[in-house]
Amino acid sequence: MIPAASVAQGLAALATATFDVAVLDVHLPDGEVFPVAKQLCERGIPIIFHSGQACAADLMQSFPTAIALSKPASDYQIVTAVNSLLPALFSD
């Protein structure tokens, strides 16, 4: 797990690390997380958006393969979302 508290940190992490899945908050101190999400999608990395303000329909229109959870999501909901992606991650 590599936490990133800003878009800049997220982009920096993408330059140096590999990811199996990403859980993203939409609104970060330095802007919206969409540049990070776009790069993740380009690399085929599954995304779970966890947001209290973003519209799930808008997120799904821009990122149709993502999962959108509204805040506050329970630990169970987050773990269930990650687990739903695991078969796709390990199918190769």
N, C-alpha and C. Protein backbone atom coordinates (compact mmCIF):
# COMPACT_ATOMS: atom_id res chain seq x y z
N MET A 1 0.85 -1.17 0.00
CA MET A 1 0.00 0.00 0.00
C MET A 1 0.89 1.24 0.00
N ILE A 2 0.56 2.16 -0.87
CA ILE A 2 1.30 3.41 -0.95
C ILE A 2 0.31 4.56 -0.83
N PRO A 3 0.21 5.16 0.34
CA PRO A 3 -0.72 6.28 0.49
C PRO A 3 -0.18 7.54 -0.19
N ALA A 4 -1.09 8.29 -0.78
CA ALA A 4 -0.74 9.57 -1.41
C ALA A 4 -1.84 10.56 -1.01
N ALA A 5 -1.45 11.65 -0.40
CA ALA A 5 -2.42 12.62 0.11
C ALA A 5 -2.71 13.74 -0.88
N SER A 6 -2.11 13.69 -2.06
CA SER A 6 -2.32 14.75 -3.04
C SER A 6 -2.19 14.16 -4.44
N VAL A 7 -2.64 14.92 -5.41
CA VAL A 7 -2.48 14.51 -6.80
C VAL A 7 -0.99 14.40 -7.13
N ALA A 8 -0.21 15.35 -6.69
CA ALA A 8 1.23 15.34 -6.96
C ALA A 8 1.88 14.08 -6.38
N GLN A 9 1.52 13.70 -5.18
CA GLN A 9 2.07 12.49 -4.58
C GLN A 9 1.61 11.24 -5.34
N GLY A 10 0.37 11.24 -5.79
CA GLY A 10 -0.14 10.12 -6.56
C GLY A 10 0.59 9.96 -7.87
N LEU A 11 0.82 11.05 -8.57
CA LEU A 11 1.56 11.00 -9.83
C LEU A 11 3.00 10.56 -9.60
N ALA A 12 3.61 11.04 -8.53
CA ALA A 12 4.97 10.62 -8.21
C ALA A 12 5.03 9.13 -7.90
N ALA A 13 4.03 8.62 -7.19
CA ALA A 13 3.99 7.19 -6.88
C ALA A 13 3.85 6.37 -8.16
N LEU A 14 3.07 6.85 -9.11
CA LEU A 14 2.92 6.14 -10.38
C LEU A 14 4.23 6.05 -11.15
N ALA A 15 5.10 7.02 -10.92
CA ALA A 15 6.38 7.03 -11.63
C ALA A 15 7.37 6.02 -11.06
N THR A 16 7.13 5.58 -9.82
CA THR A 16 8.13 4.74 -9.16
C THR A 16 7.62 3.40 -8.66
N ALA A 17 6.32 3.18 -8.66
CA ALA A 17 5.77 1.96 -8.06
C ALA A 17 4.81 1.28 -9.03
N THR A 18 4.50 0.04 -8.72
CA THR A 18 3.48 -0.69 -9.47
C THR A 18 2.30 -0.93 -8.53
N PHE A 19 1.13 -1.05 -9.12
CA PHE A 19 -0.09 -1.20 -8.34
C PHE A 19 -0.95 -2.31 -8.92
N ASP A 20 -1.67 -3.01 -8.04
CA ASP A 20 -2.65 -3.99 -8.46
C ASP A 20 -4.04 -3.38 -8.53
N VAL A 21 -4.33 -2.46 -7.63
CA VAL A 21 -5.62 -1.79 -7.54
C VAL A 21 -5.39 -0.46 -6.83
N ALA A 22 -6.25 0.52 -7.08
CA ALA A 22 -6.13 1.82 -6.43
C ALA A 22 -7.48 2.23 -5.83
N VAL A 23 -7.44 2.74 -4.62
CA VAL A 23 -8.60 3.33 -3.97
C VAL A 23 -8.34 4.82 -3.92
N LEU A 24 -9.19 5.59 -4.59
CA LEU A 24 -8.94 7.02 -4.77
C LEU A 24 -10.07 7.87 -4.20
N ASP A 25 -9.70 8.91 -3.46
CA ASP A 25 -10.64 9.96 -3.10
C ASP A 25 -10.61 10.95 -4.26
N VAL A 26 -11.72 11.54 -4.61
CA VAL A 26 -11.77 12.43 -5.76
C VAL A 26 -11.17 13.79 -5.45
N HIS A 27 -11.55 14.38 -4.34
CA HIS A 27 -11.12 15.74 -4.01
C HIS A 27 -9.94 15.69 -3.05
N LEU A 28 -8.78 16.15 -3.54
CA LEU A 28 -7.56 16.18 -2.76
C LEU A 28 -7.12 17.63 -2.57
N PRO A 29 -6.22 17.89 -1.63
CA PRO A 29 -5.83 19.28 -1.35
C PRO A 29 -5.34 20.08 -2.56
N ASP A 30 -4.72 19.39 -3.53
CA ASP A 30 -4.19 20.11 -4.69
C ASP A 30 -5.02 19.88 -5.95
N GLY A 31 -6.23 19.41 -5.81
CA GLY A 31 -7.11 19.27 -6.97
C GLY A 31 -7.81 17.93 -7.00
N GLU A 32 -8.46 17.64 -8.13
CA GLU A 32 -9.16 16.37 -8.29
C GLU A 32 -8.21 15.30 -8.79
N VAL A 33 -8.47 14.08 -8.42
CA VAL A 33 -7.58 12.96 -8.63
C VAL A 33 -7.59 12.41 -10.07
N PHE A 34 -8.32 13.04 -10.96
CA PHE A 34 -8.51 12.49 -12.30
C PHE A 34 -7.23 12.28 -13.11
N PRO A 35 -6.19 13.12 -12.99
CA PRO A 35 -4.95 12.81 -13.73
C PRO A 35 -4.33 11.47 -13.28
N VAL A 36 -4.43 11.17 -12.00
CA VAL A 36 -3.93 9.89 -11.49
C VAL A 36 -4.82 8.76 -12.01
N ALA A 37 -6.13 8.94 -11.93
CA ALA A 37 -7.07 7.93 -12.39
C ALA A 37 -6.87 7.63 -13.88
N LYS A 38 -6.63 8.64 -14.66
CA LYS A 38 -6.43 8.45 -16.10
C LYS A 38 -5.20 7.59 -16.36
N GLN A 39 -4.11 7.87 -15.66
CA GLN A 39 -2.89 7.07 -15.85
C GLN A 39 -3.10 5.64 -15.38
N LEU A 40 -3.83 5.46 -14.27
CA LEU A 40 -4.12 4.11 -13.81
C LEU A 40 -4.92 3.35 -14.86
N CYS A 41 -5.94 3.98 -15.43
CA CYS A 41 -6.76 3.33 -16.46
C CYS A 41 -5.92 2.97 -17.68
N GLU A 42 -5.03 3.86 -18.09
CA GLU A 42 -4.17 3.60 -19.24
C GLU A 42 -3.29 2.38 -19.00
N ARG A 43 -2.96 2.12 -17.74
CA ARG A 43 -2.13 0.96 -17.39
C ARG A 43 -2.97 -0.28 -17.07
N GLY A 44 -4.28 -0.13 -17.13
CA GLY A 44 -5.15 -1.27 -16.86
C GLY A 44 -5.28 -1.61 -15.39
N ILE A 45 -5.02 -0.66 -14.53
CA ILE A 45 -5.11 -0.87 -13.08
C ILE A 45 -6.52 -0.53 -12.61
N PRO A 46 -7.20 -1.46 -11.96
CA PRO A 46 -8.57 -1.21 -11.49
C PRO A 46 -8.62 -0.09 -10.45
N ILE A 47 -9.71 0.67 -10.49
CA ILE A 47 -9.88 1.82 -9.60
C ILE A 47 -11.16 1.67 -8.80
N ILE A 48 -11.07 2.04 -7.53
CA ILE A 48 -12.24 2.21 -6.67
C ILE A 48 -12.23 3.67 -6.23
N PHE A 49 -13.25 4.42 -6.60
CA PHE A 49 -13.39 5.80 -6.12
C PHE A 49 -14.14 5.76 -4.80
N HIS A 50 -13.63 6.48 -3.83
CA HIS A 50 -14.27 6.59 -2.51
C HIS A 50 -14.44 8.08 -2.25
N SER A 51 -15.64 8.58 -2.49
CA SER A 51 -15.84 10.02 -2.46
C SER A 51 -17.15 10.40 -1.79
N GLY A 52 -17.11 11.52 -1.09
CA GLY A 52 -18.31 12.03 -0.46
C GLY A 52 -19.00 13.10 -1.26
N GLN A 53 -18.36 13.58 -2.31
CA GLN A 53 -18.92 14.70 -3.06
C GLN A 53 -19.11 14.42 -4.54
N ALA A 54 -18.35 13.50 -5.09
CA ALA A 54 -18.44 13.25 -6.53
C ALA A 54 -19.69 12.44 -6.86
N CYS A 55 -20.23 12.70 -8.00
CA CYS A 55 -21.42 11.99 -8.48
C CYS A 55 -20.98 10.67 -9.11
N ALA A 56 -21.51 9.56 -8.60
CA ALA A 56 -21.13 8.25 -9.11
C ALA A 56 -21.41 8.11 -10.60
N ALA A 57 -22.52 8.66 -11.06
CA ALA A 57 -22.85 8.56 -12.49
C ALA A 57 -21.81 9.27 -13.34
N ASP A 58 -21.35 10.43 -12.90
CA ASP A 58 -20.31 11.16 -13.64
C ASP A 58 -19.00 10.37 -13.64
N LEU A 59 -18.66 9.79 -12.50
CA LEU A 59 -17.44 9.00 -12.42
C LEU A 59 -17.50 7.82 -13.38
N MET A 60 -18.64 7.15 -13.39
CA MET A 60 -18.79 5.96 -14.22
C MET A 60 -18.80 6.31 -15.71
N GLN A 61 -19.25 7.50 -16.03
CA GLN A 61 -19.22 7.91 -17.43
C GLN A 61 -17.78 8.11 -17.89
N SER A 62 -16.96 8.72 -17.04
CA SER A 62 -15.56 8.96 -17.40
C SER A 62 -14.68 7.74 -17.20
N PHE A 63 -15.03 6.91 -16.22
CA PHE A 63 -14.23 5.73 -15.87
C PHE A 63 -15.16 4.53 -15.72
N PRO A 64 -15.65 3.98 -16.84
CA PRO A 64 -16.70 2.97 -16.79
C PRO A 64 -16.31 1.65 -16.12
N THR A 65 -15.05 1.36 -16.01
CA THR A 65 -14.64 0.12 -15.36
C THR A 65 -14.39 0.28 -13.87
N ALA A 66 -14.49 1.50 -13.37
CA ALA A 66 -14.22 1.77 -11.96
C ALA A 66 -15.43 1.39 -11.10
N ILE A 67 -15.16 1.26 -9.82
CA ILE A 67 -16.21 1.09 -8.81
C ILE A 67 -16.28 2.40 -8.05
N ALA A 68 -17.49 2.86 -7.77
CA ALA A 68 -17.67 4.11 -7.02
C ALA A 68 -18.38 3.81 -5.71
N LEU A 69 -17.75 4.19 -4.60
CA LEU A 69 -18.33 4.05 -3.27
C LEU A 69 -18.52 5.43 -2.67
N SER A 70 -19.66 5.66 -2.07
CA SER A 70 -19.92 6.94 -1.42
C SER A 70 -19.37 6.91 0.00
N LYS A 71 -18.83 8.04 0.43
CA LYS A 71 -18.39 8.16 1.82
C LYS A 71 -19.60 8.42 2.70
N PRO A 72 -19.61 7.93 3.86
CA PRO A 72 -18.60 7.02 4.41
C PRO A 72 -18.92 5.58 4.04
N ALA A 73 -18.01 4.92 3.40
CA ALA A 73 -18.16 3.49 3.11
C ALA A 73 -17.55 2.72 4.27
N SER A 74 -18.16 1.62 4.58
CA SER A 74 -17.65 0.79 5.68
C SER A 74 -16.42 0.02 5.22
N ASP A 75 -15.67 -0.48 6.17
CA ASP A 75 -14.53 -1.33 5.84
C ASP A 75 -14.99 -2.52 5.00
N TYR A 76 -16.13 -3.07 5.37
CA TYR A 76 -16.69 -4.21 4.64
C TYR A 76 -16.94 -3.85 3.17
N GLN A 77 -17.52 -2.68 2.91
CA GLN A 77 -17.80 -2.27 1.53
C GLN A 77 -16.51 -2.11 0.74
N ILE A 78 -15.50 -1.54 1.36
CA ILE A 78 -14.22 -1.34 0.66
C ILE A 78 -13.56 -2.68 0.37
N VAL A 79 -13.52 -3.55 1.37
CA VAL A 79 -12.91 -4.87 1.19
C VAL A 79 -13.68 -5.67 0.14
N THR A 80 -14.99 -5.59 0.16
CA THR A 80 -15.81 -6.28 -0.84
C THR A 80 -15.50 -5.77 -2.24
N ALA A 81 -15.35 -4.46 -2.38
CA ALA A 81 -15.02 -3.89 -3.69
C ALA A 81 -13.65 -4.36 -4.17
N VAL A 82 -12.67 -4.36 -3.28
CA VAL A 82 -11.33 -4.85 -3.66
C VAL A 82 -11.41 -6.32 -4.03
N ASN A 83 -12.11 -7.11 -3.22
CA ASN A 83 -12.24 -8.55 -3.51
C ASN A 83 -12.93 -8.81 -4.84
N SER A 84 -13.86 -7.94 -5.22
CA SER A 84 -14.54 -8.13 -6.50
C SER A 84 -13.59 -7.96 -7.68
N LEU A 85 -12.50 -7.28 -7.45
CA LEU A 85 -11.50 -7.06 -8.50
C LEU A 85 -10.44 -8.15 -8.54
N LEU A 86 -10.32 -8.92 -7.47
CA LEU A 86 -9.24 -9.90 -7.39
C LEU A 86 -9.28 -10.95 -8.49
N PRO A 87 -10.41 -11.53 -8.85
CA PRO A 87 -10.37 -12.52 -9.94
C PRO A 87 -9.78 -11.94 -11.23
N ALA A 88 -10.11 -10.71 -11.53
CA ALA A 88 -9.57 -10.07 -12.74
C ALA A 88 -8.07 -9.84 -12.60
N LEU A 89 -7.63 -9.55 -11.39
CA LEU A 89 -6.20 -9.28 -11.18
C LEU A 89 -5.35 -10.52 -11.33
N PHE A 90 -5.90 -11.67 -10.97
CA PHE A 90 -5.09 -12.89 -10.95
C PHE A 90 -5.54 -13.93 -11.97
N SER A 91 -6.22 -13.49 -13.01
CA SER A 91 -6.72 -14.42 -14.02
C SER A 91 -5.66 -14.81 -15.05
N ASP A 92 -4.56 -14.10 -15.09
CA ASP A 92 -3.54 -14.40 -16.12
C ASP A 92 -2.71 -15.59 -15.76
